[in-house]
Protein backbone atom coordinates (compact mmCIF):
# COMPACT_ATOMS: atom_id res chain seq x y z
CA MET A 1 -0.08 -0.07 0.20
CA PRO A 2 1.28 3.48 -0.82
CA ARG A 3 2.71 5.58 1.92
CA LEU A 4 0.17 8.38 1.22
CA ALA A 5 -2.60 5.86 1.17
CA VAL A 6 -1.66 4.51 4.75
CA TYR A 7 -1.52 8.08 5.79
CA ALA A 8 -4.98 8.81 4.72
CA LEU A 9 -6.16 5.68 6.24
CA ILE A 10 -5.01 6.69 9.67
CA VAL A 11 -6.30 10.11 9.35
CA CYS A 12 -9.59 8.47 8.29
CA ALA A 13 -9.63 6.24 11.15
CA LEU A 14 -8.78 9.13 13.74
CA SER A 15 -11.52 11.48 12.26
CA VAL A 16 -13.99 8.73 12.94
CA VAL A 17 -12.93 8.46 16.56
CA ALA A 18 -13.06 12.30 16.76
CA ALA A 19 -16.47 12.30 15.32
CA VAL A 20 -17.77 9.85 17.77
CA VAL A 21 -16.10 11.38 20.56
CA SER A 22 -17.64 14.88 19.26
CA PHE A 23 -21.14 13.13 19.24
CA VAL A 24 -21.09 11.62 22.36
CA GLU A 25 -20.31 14.78 23.91
CA GLY A 26 -23.11 16.38 22.65
CA SER A 27 -21.18 18.68 20.01
CA TRP A 28 -22.38 19.33 16.53
CA LEU A 29 -18.47 19.50 15.35
CA GLY A 30 -18.77 15.90 14.85
CA ILE A 31 -20.23 16.73 11.56
CA VAL A 32 -16.92 18.32 10.22
CA TRP A 33 -15.08 15.17 11.39
CA ILE A 34 -17.84 13.12 9.28
CA ALA A 35 -16.67 15.54 6.33
CA ILE A 36 -12.99 15.04 6.98
CA THR A 37 -13.81 10.98 7.13
CA GLY A 38 -15.20 11.20 3.65
CA LEU A 39 -12.38 13.19 2.14
CA THR A 40 -9.50 11.12 3.59
CA SER A 41 -11.14 7.75 2.61
CA ASN A 42 -11.71 8.93 -0.76
CA MET A 43 -7.88 9.84 -0.85
CA CYS A 44 -6.86 6.62 0.31
CA TRP A 45 -9.11 4.85 -2.37
CA TYR A 46 -7.32 6.90 -4.98
CA TYR A 47 -3.79 6.41 -3.87
CA VAL A 48 -4.46 2.61 -3.83
CA ARG A 49 -6.05 2.76 -7.10
CA LYS A 50 -3.62 5.05 -8.73
CA ALA A 51 -0.69 2.57 -7.53
CA ARG A 52 -2.60 -0.41 -8.92
CA ILE A 53 -2.64 1.16 -12.11
CA GLU A 54 0.89 2.27 -12.27
CA LYS A 55 1.96 -1.44 -11.21
CA ALA A 56 -0.32 -3.01 -13.98
CA ALA A 57 1.15 -0.48 -16.65
CA ALA A 58 4.87 -1.22 -15.07
CA VAL A 59 3.99 -4.90 -16.13
CA SER A 60 2.43 -4.56 -19.30
CA ALA A 61 5.49 -2.51 -20.60
CA ASP A 62 8.06 -5.23 -19.69
């Protein structure tokens, strides 16, 4: 897994935890954390997919 995808996955997991904590404490700030979760999960998927495509292109170029 590419390094940027791993970082995005870590931030995604941490933002889920932050959202849960915010909602448990009664803060509506959790909505922002949910938005960050969506963004970082898409970033993770993008970097994984990009690495997969680059790997397939490198194999087919040989």
